[in-house]
Amino acid sequence: TWEHHLRAGDYSEWFRHQIRDKELARETAEAEKDEMLSAQESRKHVLDAVRRRYTAPATAPEE
């Protein structure tokens, strides 16, 4: 489950070693260590971090 892997630190390790993104791994580790976050909050924290780093801003095509 999400929380099992979160508490085991699996997501930050995956970002660090497979994706090779140390900053994303650091941000994810913050969520993994914060036991006050619910599963929903931690997913949002990680997803927001991924989106900030890997989603290009939407731009209108130039005419």
C-alpha atoms as a PDB file:
ATOM      1  CA  THR A   1       0.000   0.000   0.000  1.00  0.00           C
ATOM      2  CA  TRP A   2       0.966   3.644  -0.284  1.00  0.00           C
ATOM      3  CA  GLU A   3       1.616   4.074   3.440  1.00  0.00           C
ATOM      4  CA  HIS A   4       3.647   0.879   3.753  1.00  0.00           C
ATOM      5  CA  HIS A   5       6.061   2.010   1.035  1.00  0.00           C
ATOM      6  CA  LEU A   6       5.987   5.598   2.299  1.00  0.00           C
ATOM      7  CA  ARG A   7       7.005   4.647   5.855  1.00  0.00           C
ATOM      8  CA  ALA A   8       9.652   2.252   4.513  1.00  0.00           C
ATOM      9  CA  GLY A   9      11.248   5.132   2.576  1.00  0.00           C
ATOM     10  CA  ASP A  10      10.778   3.329  -0.716  1.00  0.00           C
ATOM     11  CA  TYR A  11       9.629   6.344  -2.745  1.00  0.00           C
ATOM     12  CA  SER A  12      12.579   8.580  -1.895  1.00  0.00           C
ATOM     13  CA  GLU A  13      14.969   5.696  -2.521  1.00  0.00           C
ATOM     14  CA  TRP A  14      13.370   5.065  -5.909  1.00  0.00           C
ATOM     15  CA  PHE A  15      13.629   8.749  -6.871  1.00  0.00           C
ATOM     16  CA  ARG A  16      17.241   8.844  -5.668  1.00  0.00           C
ATOM     17  CA  HIS A  17      18.517   5.648  -7.288  1.00  0.00           C
ATOM     18  CA  GLN A  18      16.244   4.926 -10.269  1.00  0.00           C
ATOM     19  CA  ILE A  19      15.195   8.415 -11.359  1.00  0.00           C
ATOM     20  CA  ARG A  20      18.488   9.924 -10.088  1.00  0.00           C
ATOM     21  CA  ASP A  21      16.804  13.035  -8.758  1.00  0.00           C
ATOM     22  CA  LYS A  22      18.302  13.850  -5.366  1.00  0.00           C
ATOM     23  CA  GLU A  23      16.175  16.942  -4.802  1.00  0.00           C
ATOM     24  CA  LEU A  24      12.934  15.079  -5.492  1.00  0.00           C
ATOM     25  CA  ALA A  25      14.164  12.313  -3.199  1.00  0.00           C
ATOM     26  CA  ARG A  26      14.828  14.884  -0.458  1.00  0.00           C
ATOM     27  CA  GLU A  27      11.361  16.413  -0.790  1.00  0.00           C
ATOM     28  CA  THR A  28       9.775  12.972  -0.766  1.00  0.00           C
ATOM     29  CA  ALA A  29      11.775  11.942   2.294  1.00  0.00           C
ATOM     30  CA  GLU A  30      10.230  14.891   4.145  1.00  0.00           C
ATOM     31  CA  ALA A  31       6.763  13.435   3.535  1.00  0.00           C
ATOM     32  CA  GLU A  32       7.969   9.950   4.459  1.00  0.00           C
ATOM     33  CA  LYS A  33       9.241  11.176   7.826  1.00  0.00           C
ATOM     34  CA  ASP A  34       6.229  13.350   8.682  1.00  0.00           C
ATOM     35  CA  GLU A  35       3.951  10.986  10.583  1.00  0.00           C
ATOM     36  CA  MET A  36       1.383  13.754  11.017  1.00  0.00           C
ATOM     37  CA  LEU A  37       0.521  13.648   7.302  1.00  0.00           C
ATOM     38  CA  SER A  38      -2.389  11.457   6.273  1.00  0.00           C
ATOM     39  CA  ALA A  39      -2.003   9.131   3.302  1.00  0.00           C
ATOM     40  CA  GLN A  40      -3.898  11.640   1.172  1.00  0.00           C
ATOM     41  CA  GLU A  41      -1.717  14.549   2.315  1.00  0.00           C
ATOM     42  CA  SER A  42       1.520  12.657   1.744  1.00  0.00           C
ATOM     43  CA  ARG A  43       0.429  11.600  -1.759  1.00  0.00           C
ATOM     44  CA  LYS A  44      -0.384  15.231  -2.561  1.00  0.00           C
ATOM     45  CA  HIS A  45       2.996  16.377  -1.220  1.00  0.00           C
ATOM     46  CA  VAL A  46       4.863  13.855  -3.392  1.00  0.00           C
ATOM     47  CA  LEU A  47       2.693  14.424  -6.471  1.00  0.00           C
ATOM     48  CA  ASP A  48       3.104  18.200  -6.183  1.00  0.00           C
ATOM     49  CA  ALA A  49       6.887  17.764  -5.982  1.00  0.00           C
ATOM     50  CA  VAL A  50       6.871  15.549  -9.086  1.00  0.00           C
ATOM     51  CA  ARG A  51       4.670  17.984 -10.992  1.00  0.00           C
ATOM     52  CA  ARG A  52       6.844  20.979 -10.076  1.00  0.00           C
ATOM     53  CA  ARG A  53       9.903  19.205 -11.438  1.00  0.00           C
ATOM     54  CA  TYR A  54       8.523  17.292 -14.424  1.00  0.00           C
ATOM     55  CA  THR A  55       5.495  19.148 -15.805  1.00  0.00           C
ATOM     56  CA  ALA A  56       6.234  21.878 -18.303  1.00  0.00           C
ATOM     57  CA  PRO A  57       4.126  25.014 -18.031  1.00  0.00           C
ATOM     58  CA  ALA A  58       1.226  25.163 -20.443  1.00  0.00           C
ATOM     59  CA  THR A  59       1.768  27.717 -23.170  1.00  0.00           C
ATOM     60  CA  ALA A  60      -0.334  28.695 -26.120  1.00  0.00           C
ATOM     61  CA  PRO A  61       1.184  27.984 -29.529  1.00  0.00           C
ATOM     62  CA  GLU A  62       2.560  31.069 -31.216  1.00  0.00           C
ATOM     63  CA  GLU A  63       0.832  32.186 -34.377  1.00  0.00           C
END
